Amino acid sequence: VRMIGVITNIEKQKARAKKLEHAAKLDTFTGLFNKAAAIDMIKEALRQNPQQKHALVLLDIDNFKDFNDTYGHVAGDVVIKLVADSLKQCFRNTDIAGRYGGDEFIVLMEDVRDISWVGQRLQKLIRCEGDGFRCTTSMGVAVFPQDGSSYEQLFLKADLALYNSKVNRSTLTYSSNLKE
């Protein structure tokens, strides 16, 4: 009886696969999570921690189309990266920040104990400056579970709050402050 075997170390292959899997979740332009990955991660966080309070934030760069039309798309790209970098600095490692599309971003602030703390964090994002450019942002916030028990419900409330921020030029609106 004879036996032949081959032992192969696949650690490098596994590490490369893990790196590729992580890269597939990122928006390559900003380094934030892409839309699909951010949504999946947010849904999973809500499912895993239903007893905690979370804040879903939608953020949009004000007058971005006008900025692009005036200064060009290269300058617009600089501003998008500026806001993305501000998001990375503003939030904790446990929070989920992603680029939703174009000049829109989505963030889930997990395990929020105090809503005033959310506002303090978000105040840092109202005006972003750097690389010779500055922009302002508008934000809408919905709180889990009071504003909704699912991602879809929270998103709709945060989107409505963002719309109200833009219309009323108030930069930051909480869903709970809106009249139904």
Foldseek 3Di string as FASTA:
>chain_A
DDDDDDDDDCPVVVVVVVVVVVVVQADVLQRAGEQVNLQVVVQVLLVVCVVAKKKKKKKFWPPLVVVCVVPNVVVSSVVLNQLSVLVVVLADPPKHKYANDRRMIIIMHTRDPDVVVVVVSCVSRQWTDDPPDITGMAMFMEMPPVQHSGPVSRVVLRVVQSVVCNVVVVRYGYSVPDDD
